[in-house]
Protein backbone atom coordinates (compact mmCIF):
# COMPACT_ATOMS: atom_id res chain seq x y z
CA MET A 1 3.12 5.94 -4.26
CA HIS A 2 3.10 4.91 -1.08
CA HIS A 3 7.16 6.29 -1.11
CA LEU A 4 5.77 9.83 -2.86
CA GLU A 5 5.00 12.87 -0.67
CA GLU A 6 2.48 14.41 -3.39
CA PRO A 7 0.55 11.12 -4.45
CA ALA A 8 -1.84 13.57 -5.62
CA GLN A 9 0.29 15.25 -7.78
CA ALA A 10 1.62 12.10 -9.04
CA LEU A 11 -1.97 10.96 -9.79
CA ALA A 12 -2.46 14.24 -11.39
CA GLU A 13 -0.14 13.50 -13.68
CA MET A 14 -1.20 10.02 -14.62
CA VAL A 15 -4.46 11.25 -15.32
CA ARG A 16 -3.03 14.43 -17.47
CA VAL A 17 -0.97 12.03 -20.04
CA THR A 18 -3.88 9.10 -20.11
CA ARG A 19 -5.93 9.15 -23.05
CA HIS A 20 -9.80 10.49 -23.20
CA ASN A 21 -11.29 7.42 -22.02
CA GLY A 22 -8.23 5.82 -20.99
CA TRP A 23 -7.26 3.82 -17.78
CA VAL A 24 -5.71 4.55 -14.60
CA VAL A 25 -4.66 1.25 -12.81
CA VAL A 26 -2.55 1.71 -9.32
CA MET A 27 -1.74 -1.06 -7.23
CA GLU A 28 -0.69 -0.06 -3.84
CA PRO A 29 -0.22 -2.02 -0.44
CA ASP A 30 -1.84 -1.08 2.49
CA PHE A 31 0.69 -2.29 5.08
CA ASP A 32 -1.60 -2.08 8.43
CA ALA A 33 -3.14 -5.01 6.74
CA CYS A 34 -0.23 -7.40 6.87
CA PHE A 35 -0.35 -10.00 9.41
CA VAL A 36 2.33 -11.64 10.98
CA ASP A 37 1.38 -15.12 12.32
CA SER A 38 3.61 -15.61 15.65
CA PRO A 39 3.21 -16.36 18.92
CA ARG A 40 4.74 -13.08 19.99
CA ARG A 41 1.70 -11.18 19.86
CA GLU A 42 2.81 -7.81 20.91
CA LEU A 43 5.70 -8.06 18.69
CA SER A 44 4.13 -8.71 15.84
CA ARG A 45 1.60 -5.97 16.12
CA LYS A 46 4.73 -3.53 16.86
CA ILE A 47 6.48 -5.20 13.42
CA GLN A 48 3.17 -4.71 11.95
CA HIS A 49 2.88 -1.16 13.16
CA LEU A 50 6.64 -0.34 12.39
CA LEU A 51 5.68 -1.60 8.91
CA THR A 52 3.31 1.24 8.27
CA ASP A 53 4.85 3.54 10.08
CA THR A 54 8.53 3.19 7.55
CA VAL A 55 7.01 4.35 4.65
CA ARG A 56 5.45 7.66 3.79
CA ASN A 57 2.43 6.34 3.10
CA GLY A 58 0.99 2.51 4.49
CA GLN A 59 -2.31 3.38 4.42
CA MET A 60 -2.27 4.07 0.62
CA GLY A 61 -4.19 1.09 -0.59
CA ARG A 62 -7.15 2.26 1.65
CA GLN A 63 -6.84 5.59 0.36
CA LEU A 64 -6.40 5.14 -3.48
CA TRP A 65 -10.86 5.28 -3.73
CA ALA A 66 -10.83 8.87 -2.23
CA LEU A 67 -7.39 9.82 -4.25
CA PHE A 68 -8.79 8.90 -7.49
CA LEU A 69 -12.85 10.68 -6.93
CA ASP A 70 -10.83 13.85 -5.66
CA ALA A 71 -9.03 13.31 -8.70
CA GLY A 72 -12.14 14.12 -10.53
CA LEU A 73 -11.71 10.33 -12.05
CA GLN A 74 -15.31 8.41 -12.84
CA ASP A 75 -16.11 4.66 -12.60
CA VAL A 76 -13.60 3.87 -10.05
CA THR A 77 -13.58 1.04 -8.34
CA SER A 78 -11.70 -0.85 -5.54
CA GLU A 79 -10.72 -4.43 -5.25
CA PRO A 80 -8.49 -5.69 -2.35
CA ILE A 81 -6.35 -8.84 -2.70
CA GLY A 82 -5.21 -10.98 -0.05
CA GLY A 83 -2.40 -12.84 -0.29
CA ALA A 84 -0.21 -15.21 2.25
CA PHE A 85 3.48 -15.67 2.40
CA THR A 86 4.50 -19.34 3.62
CA ASP A 87 7.82 -18.41 3.13
CA LEU A 88 10.00 -16.26 5.56
CA ALA A 89 12.22 -15.61 3.64
CA THR A 90 10.20 -14.27 1.25
CA ALA A 91 8.02 -12.38 3.32
CA ASP A 92 11.40 -10.53 4.92
CA ARG A 93 12.65 -9.82 1.32
CA LEU A 94 9.39 -7.91 0.42
CA LEU A 95 8.35 -6.85 3.89
CA TRP A 96 11.95 -6.07 5.70
CA LEU A 97 10.33 -8.01 8.47
CA GLU A 98 13.94 -8.66 10.29
CA ARG A 99 15.05 -4.93 9.35
CA THR A 100 12.32 -3.80 11.47
CA ALA A 101 11.96 -6.20 13.72
CA ARG A 102 15.71 -4.87 14.88
C-alpha cells in the first residue's frame, strides 16, 4: 500500500473480493517510526525523513486504521509491531539506508 498512488482503491478491491464476514489484513511500515542508532544524530534524522519521503506513502502504517474505517469496514483493529535490526547489512537491505544516505 505504501507504493500505491490510490491505496483506498486497492483496499476497495480487497473488500470487494473478500467473502462475507471475511477478514482483510494489511501489514504496512511507517517509515517515520524507523530509528537509526548513530552518534551522528542529524544524519540519522535526515535518513529517517528521506526513508519516509522516498516512497509514495511513507506513513501508511499509521494511516491504515482510518483507511479501513473510511472503507466501511467494521471491527477494525491496529496493532503496531516493533523490531530492531542489530545487523547493518540486513537493515540496509530492507530499508535502503546506504542508498538513502547517498
